[in-house]
Amino acid sequence: ADYGDLDYYFIAGASLADVVQRYTW
């Protein structure tokens, strides 16, 4: 990134649908 902190979330799930659901939370 051009500036700022490295701020990211790791999202685990049993399926891709679970990952997308948790992302939208």
PDB file of all heavy atoms in Angstrom:
ATOM      1  N   ALA A   1       0.849  -1.186   0.000  1.00  0.00           N
ATOM      2  CA  ALA A   1       0.000   0.000   0.000  1.00  0.00           C
ATOM      3  C   ALA A   1       0.883   1.234   0.000  1.00  0.00           C
ATOM      4  O   ALA A   1       1.976   1.225   0.578  1.00  0.00           O
ATOM      5  CB  ALA A   1      -0.916   0.002   1.223  1.00  0.00           C
ATOM      6  N   ASP A   2       0.405   2.288  -0.637  1.00  0.00           N
ATOM      7  CA  ASP A   2       1.215   3.497  -0.756  1.00  0.00           C
ATOM      8  C   ASP A   2       1.454   4.181   0.586  1.00  0.00           C
ATOM      9  O   ASP A   2       2.444   4.888   0.762  1.00  0.00           O
ATOM     10  CB  ASP A   2       0.546   4.483  -1.718  1.00  0.00           C
ATOM     11  CG  ASP A   2       0.701   4.060  -3.166  1.00  0.00           C
ATOM     12  OD1 ASP A   2       1.390   3.051  -3.416  1.00  0.00           O
ATOM     13  OD2 ASP A   2       0.133   4.734  -4.049  1.00  0.00           O
ATOM     14  N   TYR A   3       0.538   4.005   1.526  1.00  0.00           N
ATOM     15  CA  TYR A   3       0.708   4.617   2.851  1.00  0.00           C
ATOM     16  C   TYR A   3      -0.195   3.895   3.834  1.00  0.00           C
ATOM     17  O   TYR A   3      -1.066   3.105   3.460  1.00  0.00           O
ATOM     18  CB  TYR A   3       0.366   6.115   2.819  1.00  0.00           C
ATOM     19  CG  TYR A   3      -1.050   6.418   2.387  1.00  0.00           C
ATOM     20  CD1 TYR A   3      -2.095   6.460   3.300  1.00  0.00           C
ATOM     21  CD2 TYR A   3      -1.347   6.668   1.047  1.00  0.00           C
ATOM     22  CE1 TYR A   3      -3.393   6.719   2.899  1.00  0.00           C
ATOM     23  CE2 TYR A   3      -2.639   6.933   0.637  1.00  0.00           C
ATOM     24  CZ  TYR A   3      -3.666   6.963   1.571  1.00  0.00           C
ATOM     25  OH  TYR A   3      -4.948   7.215   1.164  1.00  0.00           O
ATOM     26  N   GLY A   4       0.010   4.176   5.111  1.00  0.00           N
ATOM     27  CA  GLY A   4      -0.829   3.610   6.159  1.00  0.00           C
ATOM     28  C   GLY A   4      -0.304   2.294   6.708  1.00  0.00           C
ATOM     29  O   GLY A   4       0.727   1.762   6.277  1.00  0.00           O
ATOM     30  N   ASP A   5      -1.045   1.769   7.685  1.00  0.00           N
ATOM     31  CA  ASP A   5      -0.680   0.512   8.329  1.00  0.00           C
ATOM     32  C   ASP A   5      -1.176  -0.677   7.512  1.00  0.00           C
ATOM     33  O   ASP A   5      -2.067  -0.548   6.662  1.00  0.00           O
ATOM     34  CB  ASP A   5      -1.298   0.426   9.732  1.00  0.00           C
ATOM     35  CG  ASP A   5      -0.806   1.537  10.642  1.00  0.00           C
ATOM     36  OD1 ASP A   5       0.361   1.932  10.483  1.00  0.00           O
ATOM     37  OD2 ASP A   5      -1.587   2.014  11.484  1.00  0.00           O
ATOM     38  N   LEU A   6      -0.574  -1.828   7.773  1.00  0.00           N
ATOM     39  CA  LEU A   6      -1.056  -3.074   7.180  1.00  0.00           C
ATOM     40  C   LEU A   6      -2.174  -3.595   8.073  1.00  0.00           C
ATOM     41  O   LEU A   6      -1.945  -4.196   9.109  1.00  0.00           O
ATOM     42  CB  LEU A   6       0.078  -4.097   7.068  1.00  0.00           C
ATOM     43  CG  LEU A   6      -0.319  -5.459   6.490  1.00  0.00           C
ATOM     44  CD1 LEU A   6      -0.920  -5.307   5.102  1.00  0.00           C
ATOM     45  CD2 LEU A   6       0.895  -6.388   6.440  1.00  0.00           C
ATOM     46  N   ASP A   7      -3.403  -3.321   7.681  1.00  0.00           N
ATOM     47  CA  ASP A   7      -4.579  -3.641   8.491  1.00  0.00           C
ATOM     48  C   ASP A   7      -5.481  -4.561   7.670  1.00  0.00           C
ATOM     49  O   ASP A   7      -6.107  -4.128   6.707  1.00  0.00           O
ATOM     50  CB  ASP A   7      -5.317  -2.343   8.852  1.00  0.00           C
ATOM     51  CG  ASP A   7      -6.470  -2.575   9.810  1.00  0.00           C
ATOM     52  OD1 ASP A   7      -6.601  -3.704  10.315  1.00  0.00           O
ATOM     53  OD2 ASP A   7      -7.237  -1.625  10.035  1.00  0.00           O
ATOM     54  N   TYR A   8      -5.481  -5.839   8.008  1.00  0.00           N
ATOM     55  CA  TYR A   8      -6.312  -6.761   7.240  1.00  0.00           C
ATOM     56  C   TYR A   8      -6.890  -7.840   8.153  1.00  0.00           C
ATOM     57  O   TYR A   8      -6.450  -8.048   9.272  1.00  0.00           O
ATOM     58  CB  TYR A   8      -5.525  -7.396   6.088  1.00  0.00           C
ATOM     59  CG  TYR A   8      -4.445  -8.376   6.466  1.00  0.00           C
ATOM     60  CD1 TYR A   8      -4.701  -9.748   6.472  1.00  0.00           C
ATOM     61  CD2 TYR A   8      -3.158  -7.952   6.787  1.00  0.00           C
ATOM     62  CE1 TYR A   8      -3.717 -10.656   6.806  1.00  0.00           C
ATOM     63  CE2 TYR A   8      -2.163  -8.843   7.109  1.00  0.00           C
ATOM     64  CZ  TYR A   8      -2.446 -10.205   7.118  1.00  0.00           C
ATOM     65  OH  TYR A   8      -1.469 -11.095   7.444  1.00  0.00           O
ATOM     66  N   TYR A   9      -7.921  -8.489   7.635  1.00  0.00           N
ATOM     67  CA  TYR A   9      -8.634  -9.530   8.368  1.00  0.00           C
ATOM     68  C   TYR A   9      -8.438 -10.867   7.662  1.00  0.00           C
ATOM     69  O   TYR A   9      -8.563 -10.946   6.437  1.00  0.00           O
ATOM     70  CB  TYR A   9     -10.137  -9.228   8.434  1.00  0.00           C
ATOM     71  CG  TYR A   9     -10.495  -7.939   9.131  1.00  0.00           C
ATOM     72  CD1 TYR A   9     -10.414  -6.716   8.457  1.00  0.00           C
ATOM     73  CD2 TYR A   9     -10.915  -7.931  10.457  1.00  0.00           C
ATOM     74  CE1 TYR A   9     -10.742  -5.536   9.087  1.00  0.00           C
ATOM     75  CE2 TYR A   9     -11.257  -6.754  11.088  1.00  0.00           C
ATOM     76  CZ  TYR A   9     -11.162  -5.550  10.401  1.00  0.00           C
ATOM     77  OH  TYR A   9     -11.490  -4.375  11.027  1.00  0.00           O
ATOM     78  N   PHE A  10      -8.167 -11.893   8.443  1.00  0.00           N
ATOM     79  CA  PHE A  10      -8.132 -13.260   7.922  1.00  0.00           C
ATOM     80  C   PHE A  10      -9.474 -13.900   8.242  1.00  0.00           C
ATOM     81  O   PHE A  10      -9.909 -13.916   9.399  1.00  0.00           O
ATOM     82  CB  PHE A  10      -7.000 -14.057   8.579  1.00  0.00           C
ATOM     83  CG  PHE A  10      -6.903 -15.477   8.089  1.00  0.00           C
ATOM     84  CD1 PHE A  10      -6.118 -15.793   7.002  1.00  0.00           C
ATOM     85  CD2 PHE A  10      -7.617 -16.494   8.715  1.00  0.00           C
ATOM     86  CE1 PHE A  10      -6.034 -17.101   6.546  1.00  0.00           C
ATOM     87  CE2 PHE A  10      -7.545 -17.801   8.274  1.00  0.00           C
ATOM     88  CZ  PHE A  10      -6.744 -18.108   7.177  1.00  0.00           C
ATOM     89  N   ILE A  11     -10.150 -14.410   7.208  1.00  0.00           N
ATOM     90  CA  ILE A  11     -11.507 -14.940   7.373  1.00  0.00           C
ATOM     91  C   ILE A  11     -11.492 -16.412   6.992  1.00  0.00           C
ATOM     92  O   ILE A  11     -11.280 -16.764   5.824  1.00  0.00           O
ATOM     93  CB  ILE A  11     -12.508 -14.181   6.485  1.00  0.00           C
ATOM     94  CG1 ILE A  11     -12.381 -12.669   6.717  1.00  0.00           C
ATOM     95  CG2 ILE A  11     -13.928 -14.657   6.758  1.00  0.00           C
ATOM     96  CD1 ILE A  11     -13.143 -11.836   5.720  1.00  0.00           C
ATOM     97  N   ALA A  12     -11.711 -17.283   7.971  1.00  0.00           N
ATOM     98  CA  ALA A  12     -11.720 -18.724   7.736  1.00  0.00           C
ATOM     99  C   ALA A  12     -13.161 -19.213   7.576  1.00  0.00           C
ATOM    100  O   ALA A  12     -14.111 -18.563   8.004  1.00  0.00           O
ATOM    101  CB  ALA A  12     -11.040 -19.456   8.891  1.00  0.00           C
ATOM    102  N   GLY A  13     -13.298 -20.357   6.952  1.00  0.00           N
ATOM    103  CA  GLY A  13     -14.620 -20.950   6.786  1.00  0.00           C
ATOM    104  C   GLY A  13     -14.520 -22.346   6.217  1.00  0.00           C
ATOM    105  O   GLY A  13     -13.531 -22.684   5.542  1.00  0.00           O
ATOM    106  N   ALA A  14     -15.545 -23.164   6.456  1.00  0.00           N
ATOM    107  CA  ALA A  14     -15.559 -24.532   5.941  1.00  0.00           C
ATOM    108  C   ALA A  14     -15.800 -24.557   4.432  1.00  0.00           C
ATOM    109  O   ALA A  14     -15.470 -25.538   3.758  1.00  0.00           O
ATOM    110  CB  ALA A  14     -16.634 -25.352   6.657  1.00  0.00           C
ATOM    111  N   SER A  15     -16.404 -23.489   3.900  1.00  0.00           N
ATOM    112  CA  SER A  15     -16.675 -23.404   2.465  1.00  0.00           C
ATOM    113  C   SER A  15     -16.504 -21.962   2.017  1.00  0.00           C
ATOM    114  O   SER A  15     -16.455 -21.037   2.836  1.00  0.00           O
ATOM    115  CB  SER A  15     -18.098 -23.881   2.157  1.00  0.00           C
ATOM    116  OG  SER A  15     -19.050 -22.978   2.702  1.00  0.00           O
ATOM    117  N   LEU A  16     -16.441 -21.750   0.698  1.00  0.00           N
ATOM    118  CA  LEU A  16     -16.339 -20.397   0.171  1.00  0.00           C
ATOM    119  C   LEU A  16     -17.557 -19.574   0.565  1.00  0.00           C
ATOM    120  O   LEU A  16     -17.447 -18.377   0.853  1.00  0.00           O
ATOM    121  CB  LEU A  16     -16.183 -20.443  -1.348  1.00  0.00           C
ATOM    122  CG  LEU A  16     -16.006 -19.095  -2.053  1.00  0.00           C
ATOM    123  CD1 LEU A  16     -14.770 -18.372  -1.533  1.00  0.00           C
ATOM    124  CD2 LEU A  16     -15.896 -19.297  -3.560  1.00  0.00           C
ATOM    125  N   ALA A  17     -18.728 -20.206   0.604  1.00  0.00           N
ATOM    126  CA  ALA A  17     -19.947 -19.506   1.001  1.00  0.00           C
ATOM    127  C   ALA A  17     -19.831 -18.994   2.439  1.00  0.00           C
ATOM    128  O   ALA A  17     -20.287 -17.888   2.756  1.00  0.00           O
ATOM    129  CB  ALA A  17     -21.158 -20.429   0.863  1.00  0.00           C
ATOM    130  N   ASP A  18     -19.229 -19.784   3.315  1.00  0.00           N
ATOM    131  CA  ASP A  18     -19.024 -19.350   4.702  1.00  0.00           C
ATOM    132  C   ASP A  18     -18.102 -18.136   4.759  1.00  0.00           C
ATOM    133  O   ASP A  18     -18.336 -17.193   5.523  1.00  0.00           O
ATOM    134  CB  ASP A  18     -18.411 -20.484   5.537  1.00  0.00           C
ATOM    135  CG  ASP A  18     -19.371 -21.632   5.765  1.00  0.00           C
ATOM    136  OD1 ASP A  18     -20.594 -21.393   5.739  1.00  0.00           O
ATOM    137  OD2 ASP A  18     -18.885 -22.765   5.951  1.00  0.00           O
ATOM    138  N   VAL A  19     -17.044 -18.158   3.956  1.00  0.00           N
ATOM    139  CA  VAL A  19     -16.098 -17.043   3.935  1.00  0.00           C
ATOM    140  C   VAL A  19     -16.793 -15.766   3.472  1.00  0.00           C
ATOM    141  O   VAL A  19     -16.654 -14.698   4.076  1.00  0.00           O
ATOM    142  CB  VAL A  19     -14.897 -17.371   3.027  1.00  0.00           C
ATOM    143  CG1 VAL A  19     -14.007 -16.142   2.854  1.00  0.00           C
ATOM    144  CG2 VAL A  19     -14.094 -18.528   3.590  1.00  0.00           C
ATOM    145  N   VAL A  20     -17.563 -15.847   2.385  1.00  0.00           N
ATOM    146  CA  VAL A  20     -18.257 -14.681   1.863  1.00  0.00           C
ATOM    147  C   VAL A  20     -19.279 -14.166   2.869  1.00  0.00           C
ATOM    148  O   VAL A  20     -19.422 -12.950   3.073  1.00  0.00           O
ATOM    149  CB  VAL A  20     -18.942 -15.021   0.524  1.00  0.00           C
ATOM    150  CG1 VAL A  20     -19.802 -13.851   0.058  1.00  0.00           C
ATOM    151  CG2 VAL A  20     -17.897 -15.357  -0.531  1.00  0.00           C
ATOM    152  N   GLN A  21     -19.981 -15.072   3.543  1.00  0.00           N
ATOM    153  CA  GLN A  21     -20.960 -14.657   4.547  1.00  0.00           C
ATOM    154  C   GLN A  21     -20.282 -13.887   5.680  1.00  0.00           C
ATOM    155  O   GLN A  21     -20.764 -12.829   6.109  1.00  0.00           O
ATOM    156  CB  GLN A  21     -21.690 -15.871   5.106  1.00  0.00           C
ATOM    157  CG  GLN A  21     -22.763 -15.502   6.142  1.00  0.00           C
ATOM    158  CD  GLN A  21     -23.421 -16.716   6.762  1.00  0.00           C
ATOM    159  OE1 GLN A  21     -22.749 -17.599   7.287  1.00  0.00           O
ATOM    160  NE2 GLN A  21     -24.749 -16.769   6.697  1.00  0.00           N
ATOM    161  N   ARG A  22     -19.166 -14.378   6.160  1.00  0.00           N
ATOM    162  CA  ARG A  22     -18.459 -13.716   7.256  1.00  0.00           C
ATOM    163  C   ARG A  22     -17.849 -12.388   6.805  1.00  0.00           C
ATOM    164  O   ARG A  22     -17.772 -11.431   7.573  1.00  0.00           O
ATOM    165  CB  ARG A  22     -17.393 -14.655   7.816  1.00  0.00           C
ATOM    166  CG  ARG A  22     -18.012 -15.843   8.547  1.00  0.00           C
ATOM    167  CD  ARG A  22     -17.035 -16.937   8.891  1.00  0.00           C
ATOM    168  NE  ARG A  22     -17.731 -18.039   9.557  1.00  0.00           N
ATOM    169  CZ  ARG A  22     -17.160 -19.193   9.857  1.00  0.00           C
ATOM    170  NH1 ARG A  22     -15.886 -19.406   9.551  1.00  0.00           N
ATOM    171  NH2 ARG A  22     -17.863 -20.138  10.452  1.00  0.00           N
ATOM    172  N   TYR A  23     -17.415 -12.347   5.544  1.00  0.00           N
ATOM    173  CA  TYR A  23     -16.908 -11.090   4.988  1.00  0.00           C
ATOM    174  C   TYR A  23     -18.000 -10.019   5.001  1.00  0.00           C
ATOM    175  O   TYR A  23     -17.763  -8.868   5.383  1.00  0.00           O
ATOM    176  CB  TYR A  23     -16.406 -11.336   3.565  1.00  0.00           C
ATOM    177  CG  TYR A  23     -16.192 -10.091   2.745  1.00  0.00           C
ATOM    178  CD1 TYR A  23     -15.188  -9.182   3.060  1.00  0.00           C
ATOM    179  CD2 TYR A  23     -16.994  -9.830   1.642  1.00  0.00           C
ATOM    180  CE1 TYR A  23     -14.984  -8.041   2.301  1.00  0.00           C
ATOM    181  CE2 TYR A  23     -16.795  -8.693   0.876  1.00  0.00           C
ATOM    182  CZ  TYR A  23     -15.798  -7.802   1.217  1.00  0.00           C
ATOM    183  OH  TYR A  23     -15.608  -6.672   0.463  1.00  0.00           O
ATOM    184  N   THR A  24     -19.206 -10.392   4.618  1.00  0.00           N
ATOM    185  CA  THR A  24     -20.292  -9.418   4.587  1.00  0.00           C
ATOM    186  C   THR A  24     -20.757  -9.024   5.985  1.00  0.00           C
ATOM    187  O   THR A  24     -21.396  -7.984   6.146  1.00  0.00           O
ATOM    188  CB  THR A  24     -21.487  -9.939   3.768  1.00  0.00           C
ATOM    189  OG1 THR A  24     -21.987 -11.159   4.337  1.00  0.00           O
ATOM    190  CG2 THR A  24     -21.083 -10.186   2.322  1.00  0.00           C
ATOM    191  N   TRP A  25     -20.463  -9.838   6.989  1.00  0.00           N
ATOM    192  CA  TRP A  25     -20.722  -9.395   8.367  1.00  0.00           C
ATOM    193  C   TRP A  25     -19.882  -8.153   8.681  1.00  0.00           C
ATOM    194  O   TRP A  25     -20.315  -7.273   9.426  1.00  0.00           O
ATOM    195  CB  TRP A  25     -20.366 -10.500   9.365  1.00  0.00           C
ATOM    196  CG  TRP A  25     -21.336 -11.645   9.413  1.00  0.00           C
ATOM    197  CD1 TRP A  25     -22.600 -11.679   8.889  1.00  0.00           C
ATOM    198  CD2 TRP A  25     -21.114 -12.921  10.006  1.00  0.00           C
ATOM    199  NE1 TRP A  25     -23.179 -12.905   9.111  1.00  0.00           N
ATOM    200  CE2 TRP A  25     -22.290 -13.695   9.806  1.00  0.00           C
ATOM    201  CE3 TRP A  25     -20.055 -13.504  10.691  1.00  0.00           C
ATOM    202  CZ2 TRP A  25     -22.420 -15.001  10.268  1.00  0.00           C
ATOM    203  CZ3 TRP A  25     -20.180 -14.806  11.151  1.00  0.00           C
ATOM    204  CH2 TRP A  25     -21.352 -15.551  10.936  1.00  0.00           C
TER     205      TRP A  25
END
